[in-house]
Amino acid sequence: MGQALWNDRGLSTNGLACGVCHLNNGNFADTFAKPYPHQVKMPHRMSGVEKVTLDEMVQFCMLAPMAAEALPWDSPELAALTAYGAEVQKDFIQMAQANPCNPCNPCAAANPCNPCNPCNPCAAANPCNPCNPCAAANPCNPCNPCAAGN
């Protein structure tokens, strides 16, 4: 039920759903990896709230980005969205641990030398200057044509 509601654009008045803004764990700040309650930039910036619980965050998203009515606090819908949000958070935490620079970038693990620019196809070949074509020939001064001979 939570996953269905997460992707239900009918909950909003503007066609948004949780899954629209957070497709593939997108648009989460690094603080999403912290246990709730914690400060979340959007409610803090928009209404000065210092800390929110996960169910309060769901309600805030219903009101602000989704331009909808808050769900009843005792509703099965709020419980389901909160429970599913906790599962999304677990997935986000696993991704964040695999790539601390950009937890939603699937190719970060492929480039340990430059994890914050993981999709550079040359990086594995030359961790010091990954797109210099002659770096492998001379790691000390890779583009000096005399360096290999001396």
N, C-alpha and C. Protein backbone atom coordinates (compact mmCIF):
# COMPACT_ATOMS: atom_id res chain seq x y z
N MET A 1 0.83 -1.19 0.00
CA MET A 1 0.00 0.00 0.00
C MET A 1 0.88 1.26 0.00
N GLY A 2 1.94 1.23 0.79
CA GLY A 2 2.83 2.39 0.86
C GLY A 2 3.47 2.71 -0.47
N GLN A 3 3.94 1.68 -1.17
CA GLN A 3 4.57 1.89 -2.48
C GLN A 3 3.56 2.44 -3.48
N ALA A 4 2.35 1.92 -3.45
CA ALA A 4 1.31 2.42 -4.36
C ALA A 4 1.01 3.89 -4.07
N LEU A 5 0.89 4.25 -2.81
CA LEU A 5 0.63 5.64 -2.44
C LEU A 5 1.82 6.54 -2.77
N TRP A 6 3.03 6.02 -2.61
CA TRP A 6 4.26 6.76 -2.92
C TRP A 6 4.24 7.24 -4.37
N ASN A 7 3.63 6.44 -5.23
CA ASN A 7 3.60 6.76 -6.66
C ASN A 7 2.25 7.27 -7.14
N ASP A 8 1.34 7.54 -6.23
CA ASP A 8 -0.02 7.97 -6.58
C ASP A 8 -0.10 9.49 -6.75
N ARG A 9 -0.16 9.93 -7.99
CA ARG A 9 -0.26 11.36 -8.28
C ARG A 9 -1.63 11.93 -7.92
N GLY A 10 -2.57 11.06 -7.68
CA GLY A 10 -3.91 11.50 -7.29
C GLY A 10 -3.99 12.03 -5.86
N LEU A 11 -2.96 11.81 -5.07
CA LEU A 11 -2.94 12.36 -3.71
C LEU A 11 -2.73 13.87 -3.72
N SER A 12 -2.15 14.38 -4.79
CA SER A 12 -1.83 15.81 -4.84
C SER A 12 -2.85 16.56 -5.69
N THR A 13 -2.72 17.87 -5.66
CA THR A 13 -3.57 18.70 -6.53
C THR A 13 -2.80 19.20 -7.74
N ASN A 14 -1.50 18.84 -7.82
CA ASN A 14 -0.67 19.35 -8.90
C ASN A 14 0.03 18.26 -9.70
N GLY A 15 -0.39 17.02 -9.53
CA GLY A 15 0.18 15.93 -10.31
C GLY A 15 1.47 15.34 -9.76
N LEU A 16 1.91 15.82 -8.61
CA LEU A 16 3.11 15.27 -8.01
C LEU A 16 2.76 14.05 -7.16
N ALA A 17 3.76 13.24 -6.93
CA ALA A 17 3.69 12.12 -6.00
C ALA A 17 5.06 12.05 -5.34
N CYS A 18 5.15 11.36 -4.24
CA CYS A 18 6.45 11.19 -3.57
C CYS A 18 7.48 10.67 -4.57
N GLY A 19 7.07 9.68 -5.34
CA GLY A 19 7.97 9.05 -6.29
C GLY A 19 8.38 9.94 -7.45
N VAL A 20 7.68 11.02 -7.69
CA VAL A 20 8.09 11.96 -8.74
C VAL A 20 9.34 12.71 -8.30
N CYS A 21 9.29 13.26 -7.12
CA CYS A 21 10.44 14.02 -6.61
C CYS A 21 11.58 13.11 -6.18
N HIS A 22 11.27 11.91 -5.74
CA HIS A 22 12.28 11.03 -5.17
C HIS A 22 12.50 9.78 -6.01
N LEU A 23 12.37 9.89 -7.32
CA LEU A 23 12.62 8.78 -8.23
C LEU A 23 14.06 8.31 -8.06
N ASN A 24 14.24 7.01 -7.87
CA ASN A 24 15.58 6.42 -7.68
C ASN A 24 16.37 7.11 -6.57
N ASN A 25 15.71 7.44 -5.49
CA ASN A 25 16.31 8.10 -4.33
C ASN A 25 16.84 9.50 -4.64
N GLY A 26 16.30 10.13 -5.64
CA GLY A 26 16.73 11.48 -5.98
C GLY A 26 16.14 12.52 -5.04
N ASN A 27 16.74 13.68 -5.00
CA ASN A 27 16.28 14.84 -4.24
C ASN A 27 16.21 14.62 -2.74
N PHE A 28 16.99 13.70 -2.23
CA PHE A 28 17.13 13.58 -0.79
C PHE A 28 18.47 14.22 -0.42
N ALA A 29 18.48 14.97 0.66
CA ALA A 29 19.74 15.49 1.17
C ALA A 29 20.45 14.37 1.91
N ASP A 30 21.72 14.56 2.18
CA ASP A 30 22.47 13.55 2.90
C ASP A 30 21.90 13.29 4.30
N THR A 31 21.16 14.25 4.83
CA THR A 31 20.55 14.06 6.15
C THR A 31 19.48 12.97 6.14
N PHE A 32 19.00 12.57 4.96
CA PHE A 32 18.01 11.51 4.89
C PHE A 32 18.57 10.20 5.45
N ALA A 33 19.88 10.09 5.50
CA ALA A 33 20.50 8.89 6.06
C ALA A 33 20.50 8.90 7.59
N LYS A 34 20.16 10.02 8.20
CA LYS A 34 20.14 10.11 9.66
C LYS A 34 18.82 9.57 10.21
N PRO A 35 18.86 9.04 11.43
CA PRO A 35 17.61 8.60 12.06
C PRO A 35 16.69 9.80 12.32
N TYR A 36 15.40 9.57 12.18
CA TYR A 36 14.41 10.60 12.52
C TYR A 36 14.18 10.57 14.02
N PRO A 37 13.86 11.69 14.64
CA PRO A 37 13.68 13.03 14.06
C PRO A 37 15.03 13.70 13.81
N HIS A 38 15.08 14.50 12.74
CA HIS A 38 16.24 15.32 12.43
C HIS A 38 15.79 16.51 11.61
N GLN A 39 16.70 17.45 11.45
CA GLN A 39 16.36 18.63 10.66
C GLN A 39 16.35 18.27 9.17
N VAL A 40 15.36 18.76 8.46
CA VAL A 40 15.27 18.60 7.02
C VAL A 40 15.20 20.01 6.45
N LYS A 41 16.03 20.25 5.44
CA LYS A 41 16.17 21.61 4.92
C LYS A 41 14.85 22.23 4.46
N MET A 42 14.06 21.48 3.71
CA MET A 42 12.84 22.06 3.15
C MET A 42 11.88 22.57 4.22
N PRO A 43 11.48 21.76 5.19
CA PRO A 43 10.58 22.32 6.22
C PRO A 43 11.24 23.38 7.09
N HIS A 44 12.56 23.23 7.30
CA HIS A 44 13.25 24.24 8.09
C HIS A 44 13.25 25.58 7.34
N ARG A 45 13.58 25.53 6.05
CA ARG A 45 13.63 26.75 5.25
C ARG A 45 12.25 27.38 5.08
N MET A 46 11.25 26.55 4.84
CA MET A 46 9.92 27.08 4.54
C MET A 46 9.11 27.46 5.77
N SER A 47 9.35 26.78 6.89
CA SER A 47 8.51 27.09 8.05
C SER A 47 9.25 27.11 9.38
N GLY A 48 10.58 27.04 9.35
CA GLY A 48 11.35 27.17 10.57
C GLY A 48 11.33 25.97 11.49
N VAL A 49 10.81 24.85 11.04
CA VAL A 49 10.75 23.65 11.87
C VAL A 49 12.17 23.12 12.07
N GLU A 50 12.55 22.92 13.33
CA GLU A 50 13.92 22.48 13.63
C GLU A 50 14.14 21.00 13.35
N LYS A 51 13.20 20.16 13.73
CA LYS A 51 13.31 18.71 13.52
C LYS A 51 11.95 18.16 13.16
N VAL A 52 11.95 17.12 12.32
CA VAL A 52 10.70 16.45 11.97
C VAL A 52 10.86 14.95 12.14
N THR A 53 9.75 14.30 12.40
CA THR A 53 9.70 12.85 12.37
C THR A 53 9.36 12.46 10.93
N LEU A 54 9.48 11.19 10.62
CA LEU A 54 9.20 10.77 9.24
C LEU A 54 7.73 11.00 8.88
N ASP A 55 6.81 10.73 9.79
CA ASP A 55 5.39 10.96 9.46
C ASP A 55 5.11 12.45 9.30
N GLU A 56 5.80 13.29 10.07
CA GLU A 56 5.64 14.75 9.90
C GLU A 56 6.20 15.19 8.55
N MET A 57 7.27 14.54 8.11
CA MET A 57 7.84 14.88 6.80
C MET A 57 6.88 14.50 5.69
N VAL A 58 6.25 13.36 5.82
CA VAL A 58 5.22 12.96 4.84
C VAL A 58 4.13 14.02 4.80
N GLN A 59 3.66 14.44 5.96
CA GLN A 59 2.61 15.45 6.01
C GLN A 59 3.07 16.78 5.40
N PHE A 60 4.31 17.15 5.68
CA PHE A 60 4.82 18.40 5.11
C PHE A 60 4.83 18.32 3.59
N CYS A 61 5.27 17.19 3.06
CA CYS A 61 5.28 17.03 1.60
C CYS A 61 3.87 17.04 1.01
N MET A 62 2.94 16.50 1.76
CA MET A 62 1.55 16.56 1.28
C MET A 62 1.11 18.01 1.14
N LEU A 63 1.45 18.84 2.13
CA LEU A 63 1.01 20.23 2.13
C LEU A 63 1.79 21.11 1.17
N ALA A 64 3.12 21.00 1.18
CA ALA A 64 3.94 21.95 0.41
C ALA A 64 4.15 21.51 -1.03
N PRO A 65 5.02 20.58 -1.32
CA PRO A 65 5.25 20.28 -2.74
C PRO A 65 4.01 19.73 -3.45
N MET A 66 3.23 18.91 -2.75
CA MET A 66 2.10 18.26 -3.41
C MET A 66 0.82 19.11 -3.39
N ALA A 67 0.85 20.19 -2.65
CA ALA A 67 -0.30 21.11 -2.59
C ALA A 67 -1.61 20.37 -2.32
N ALA A 68 -1.57 19.49 -1.33
CA ALA A 68 -2.75 18.68 -1.00
C ALA A 68 -3.12 18.90 0.46
N GLU A 69 -4.16 18.22 0.87
CA GLU A 69 -4.56 18.23 2.27
C GLU A 69 -3.66 17.26 3.04
N ALA A 70 -3.42 17.56 4.29
CA ALA A 70 -2.70 16.61 5.14
C ALA A 70 -3.56 15.37 5.31
N LEU A 71 -2.91 14.25 5.46
CA LEU A 71 -3.63 13.00 5.72
C LEU A 71 -4.04 12.96 7.18
N PRO A 72 -5.15 12.33 7.51
CA PRO A 72 -5.51 12.18 8.92
C PRO A 72 -4.39 11.45 9.66
N TRP A 73 -4.05 11.94 10.85
CA TRP A 73 -2.93 11.38 11.61
C TRP A 73 -3.11 9.92 11.94
N ASP A 74 -4.35 9.47 12.06
CA ASP A 74 -4.59 8.08 12.41
C ASP A 74 -4.98 7.23 11.19
N SER A 75 -4.69 7.74 10.00
CA SER A 75 -5.12 7.04 8.78
C SER A 75 -4.15 5.92 8.38
N PRO A 76 -4.69 4.88 7.76
CA PRO A 76 -3.82 3.82 7.23
C PRO A 76 -2.92 4.34 6.10
N GLU A 77 -3.37 5.37 5.40
CA GLU A 77 -2.56 5.94 4.32
C GLU A 77 -1.28 6.58 4.86
N LEU A 78 -1.42 7.36 5.94
CA LEU A 78 -0.23 7.98 6.53
C LEU A 78 0.69 6.91 7.10
N ALA A 79 0.13 5.92 7.73
CA ALA A 79 0.95 4.83 8.29
C ALA A 79 1.68 4.10 7.17
N ALA A 80 1.00 3.84 6.05
CA ALA A 80 1.62 3.12 4.94
C ALA A 80 2.71 3.95 4.27
N LEU A 81 2.45 5.23 4.04
CA LEU A 81 3.47 6.10 3.44
C LEU A 81 4.69 6.25 4.35
N THR A 82 4.46 6.35 5.64
CA THR A 82 5.56 6.47 6.59
C THR A 82 6.38 5.18 6.61
N ALA A 83 5.71 4.04 6.63
CA ALA A 83 6.43 2.75 6.62
C ALA A 83 7.22 2.58 5.33
N TYR A 84 6.62 2.95 4.21
CA TYR A 84 7.33 2.83 2.94
C TYR A 84 8.50 3.83 2.88
N GLY A 85 8.29 5.02 3.42
CA GLY A 85 9.37 6.00 3.49
C GLY A 85 10.56 5.47 4.27
N ALA A 86 10.29 4.70 5.33
CA ALA A 86 11.36 4.09 6.11
C ALA A 86 12.12 3.06 5.28
N GLU A 87 11.41 2.34 4.42
CA GLU A 87 12.08 1.38 3.52
C GLU A 87 12.92 2.10 2.48
N VAL A 88 12.41 3.19 1.95
CA VAL A 88 13.17 4.00 1.00
C VAL A 88 14.42 4.54 1.68
N GLN A 89 14.28 4.95 2.93
CA GLN A 89 15.42 5.46 3.67
C GLN A 89 16.49 4.37 3.83
N LYS A 90 16.10 3.14 4.12
CA LYS A 90 17.06 2.05 4.26
C LYS A 90 17.84 1.86 2.95
N ASP A 91 17.13 1.90 1.83
CA ASP A 91 17.78 1.77 0.52
C ASP A 91 18.74 2.93 0.29
N PHE A 92 18.31 4.13 0.64
CA PHE A 92 19.16 5.31 0.49
C PHE A 92 20.44 5.17 1.33
N ILE A 93 20.31 4.68 2.55
CA ILE A 93 21.46 4.51 3.43
C ILE A 93 22.46 3.51 2.82
N GLN A 94 21.95 2.42 2.27
CA GLN A 94 22.84 1.45 1.63
C GLN A 94 23.57 2.09 0.45
N MET A 95 22.86 2.87 -0.35
CA MET A 95 23.49 3.54 -1.48
C MET A 95 24.50 4.58 -1.00
N ALA A 96 24.17 5.28 0.07
CA ALA A 96 25.07 6.31 0.60
C ALA A 96 26.36 5.69 1.12
N GLN A 97 26.27 4.52 1.73
CA GLN A 97 27.47 3.86 2.23
C GLN A 97 28.36 3.40 1.08
N ALA A 98 27.75 3.01 -0.03
CA ALA A 98 28.52 2.57 -1.19
C ALA A 98 29.20 3.74 -1.89
N ASN A 99 28.60 4.92 -1.83
CA ASN A 99 29.15 6.09 -2.49
C ASN A 99 28.88 7.32 -1.66
N PRO A 100 29.77 7.68 -0.76
CA PRO A 100 29.52 8.82 0.12
C PRO A 100 29.46 10.16 -0.59
N CYS A 101 30.02 10.26 -1.80
CA CYS A 101 30.01 11.54 -2.51
C CYS A 101 28.68 11.80 -3.19
N ASN A 102 28.09 10.75 -3.73
CA ASN A 102 26.83 10.89 -4.46
C ASN A 102 26.09 9.58 -4.38
N PRO A 103 25.34 9.34 -3.33
CA PRO A 103 24.76 8.01 -3.09
C PRO A 103 23.80 7.54 -4.16
N CYS A 104 23.34 8.40 -5.01
CA CYS A 104 22.39 7.96 -6.03
C CYS A 104 23.06 7.75 -7.38
N ASN A 105 24.39 7.81 -7.43
CA ASN A 105 25.09 7.61 -8.69
C ASN A 105 25.50 6.15 -8.77
N PRO A 106 24.91 5.37 -9.68
CA PRO A 106 25.17 3.94 -9.72
C PRO A 106 26.57 3.56 -10.15
N CYS A 107 27.34 4.47 -10.75
CA CYS A 107 28.66 4.07 -11.23
C CYS A 107 29.77 4.52 -10.29
N ALA A 108 29.48 5.00 -9.13
CA ALA A 108 30.51 5.48 -8.22
C ALA A 108 31.46 4.38 -7.79
N ALA A 109 30.94 3.20 -7.57
CA ALA A 109 31.80 2.11 -7.13
C ALA A 109 32.79 1.72 -8.21
N ALA A 110 32.52 2.05 -9.45
CA ALA A 110 33.40 1.69 -10.56
C ALA A 110 34.68 2.50 -10.59
N ASN A 111 34.75 3.61 -9.90
CA ASN A 111 35.94 4.46 -9.94
C ASN A 111 36.38 4.82 -8.52
N PRO A 112 37.15 3.94 -7.87
CA PRO A 112 37.58 4.24 -6.51
C PRO A 112 38.60 5.37 -6.43
N CYS A 113 39.31 5.65 -7.54
CA CYS A 113 40.32 6.71 -7.50
C CYS A 113 39.68 8.09 -7.50
N ASN A 114 38.52 8.19 -8.10
CA ASN A 114 37.84 9.47 -8.18
C ASN A 114 36.36 9.24 -7.93
N PRO A 115 35.98 8.89 -6.69
CA PRO A 115 34.60 8.51 -6.44
C PRO A 115 33.59 9.64 -6.61
N CYS A 116 34.06 10.87 -6.64
CA CYS A 116 33.11 11.97 -6.82
C CYS A 116 32.94 12.33 -8.29
N ASN A 117 33.64 11.65 -9.16
CA ASN A 117 33.44 11.78 -10.61
C ASN A 117 33.52 10.39 -11.20
N PRO A 118 32.62 9.50 -10.78
CA PRO A 118 32.75 8.07 -11.04
C PRO A 118 32.52 7.66 -12.48
N CYS A 119 31.95 8.50 -13.29
CA CYS A 119 31.62 8.07 -14.64
C CYS A 119 32.64 8.56 -15.66
N ASN A 120 33.81 8.94 -15.20
CA ASN A 120 34.88 9.33 -16.10
C ASN A 120 35.47 8.05 -16.66
N PRO A 121 35.31 7.77 -17.96
CA PRO A 121 35.74 6.47 -18.50
C PRO A 121 37.25 6.26 -18.46
N CYS A 122 38.03 7.32 -18.32
CA CYS A 122 39.49 7.16 -18.31
C CYS A 122 40.04 6.99 -16.91
N ALA A 123 39.29 7.22 -15.89
CA ALA A 123 39.83 7.31 -14.54
C ALA A 123 40.50 6.02 -14.09
N ALA A 124 39.96 4.87 -14.46
CA ALA A 124 40.58 3.62 -14.02
C ALA A 124 41.96 3.44 -14.65
N ALA A 125 42.15 3.95 -15.87
CA ALA A 125 43.43 3.80 -16.56
C ALA A 125 44.52 4.66 -15.95
N ASN A 126 44.19 5.82 -15.43
CA ASN A 126 45.19 6.73 -14.88
C ASN A 126 44.60 7.52 -13.72
N PRO A 127 44.79 7.05 -12.50
CA PRO A 127 44.18 7.75 -11.37
C PRO A 127 44.76 9.13 -11.10
N CYS A 128 45.96 9.43 -11.60
CA CYS A 128 46.56 10.74 -11.33
C CYS A 128 46.07 11.81 -12.28
N ASN A 129 45.91 11.46 -13.54
CA ASN A 129 45.46 12.40 -14.56
C ASN A 129 44.67 11.58 -15.57
N PRO A 130 43.44 11.21 -15.26
CA PRO A 130 42.75 10.13 -15.95
C PRO A 130 42.50 10.33 -17.44
N CYS A 131 42.50 11.51 -17.95
CA CYS A 131 42.22 11.64 -19.38
C CYS A 131 43.44 12.12 -20.16
N ASN A 132 44.62 11.98 -19.60
CA ASN A 132 45.84 12.30 -20.30
C ASN A 132 46.28 11.02 -21.02
N PRO A 133 46.25 10.97 -22.36
CA PRO A 133 46.52 9.71 -23.07
C PRO A 133 47.94 9.21 -22.92
N CYS A 134 48.89 10.05 -22.54
CA CYS A 134 50.25 9.54 -22.41
C CYS A 134 50.68 9.30 -20.98
N ALA A 135 49.82 9.44 -20.04
CA ALA A 135 50.19 9.30 -18.64
C ALA A 135 50.68 7.90 -18.31
N ALA A 136 50.12 6.88 -18.94
CA ALA A 136 50.55 5.52 -18.64
C ALA A 136 52.00 5.29 -19.08
N ALA A 137 52.43 5.98 -20.13
CA ALA A 137 53.79 5.79 -20.64
C ALA A 137 54.83 6.37 -19.70
N ASN A 138 54.52 7.46 -19.01
CA ASN A 138 55.49 8.10 -18.12
C ASN A 138 54.76 8.76 -16.96
N PRO A 139 54.66 8.07 -15.84
CA PRO A 139 53.90 8.63 -14.73
C PRO A 139 54.54 9.87 -14.10
N CYS A 140 55.84 10.10 -14.32
CA CYS A 140 56.47 11.27 -13.71
C CYS A 140 56.25 12.54 -14.53
N ASN A 141 56.34 12.45 -15.83
CA ASN A 141 56.14 13.60 -16.71
C ASN A 141 55.55 13.05 -18.01
N PRO A 142 54.29 12.69 -18.02
CA PRO A 142 53.73 11.85 -19.06
C PRO A 142 53.73 12.42 -20.47
N CYS A 143 53.85 13.70 -20.64
CA CYS A 143 53.79 14.20 -22.01
C CYS A 143 55.12 14.81 -22.47
N ASN A 144 56.19 14.51 -21.76
CA ASN A 144 57.51 14.92 -22.19
C ASN A 144 58.05 13.81 -23.09
N PRO A 145 58.23 14.08 -24.40
CA PRO A 145 58.65 13.01 -25.32
C PRO A 145 60.03 12.45 -25.00
N CYS A 146 60.84 13.18 -24.28
CA CYS A 146 62.18 12.68 -23.92
C CYS A 146 62.18 11.85 -22.65
N ALA A 147 61.12 11.93 -21.87
CA ALA A 147 61.12 11.32 -20.55
C ALA A 147 61.28 9.81 -20.62
N ALA A 148 60.67 9.17 -21.60
CA ALA A 148 60.77 7.71 -21.67
C ALA A 148 62.20 7.28 -21.99
N GLY A 149 62.95 8.11 -22.77
CA GLY A 149 64.30 7.75 -23.13
C GLY A 149 65.31 8.08 -22.04
N ASN A 150 64.95 8.85 -21.06
CA ASN A 150 65.91 9.25 -20.04
C ASN A 150 65.32 8.97 -18.67
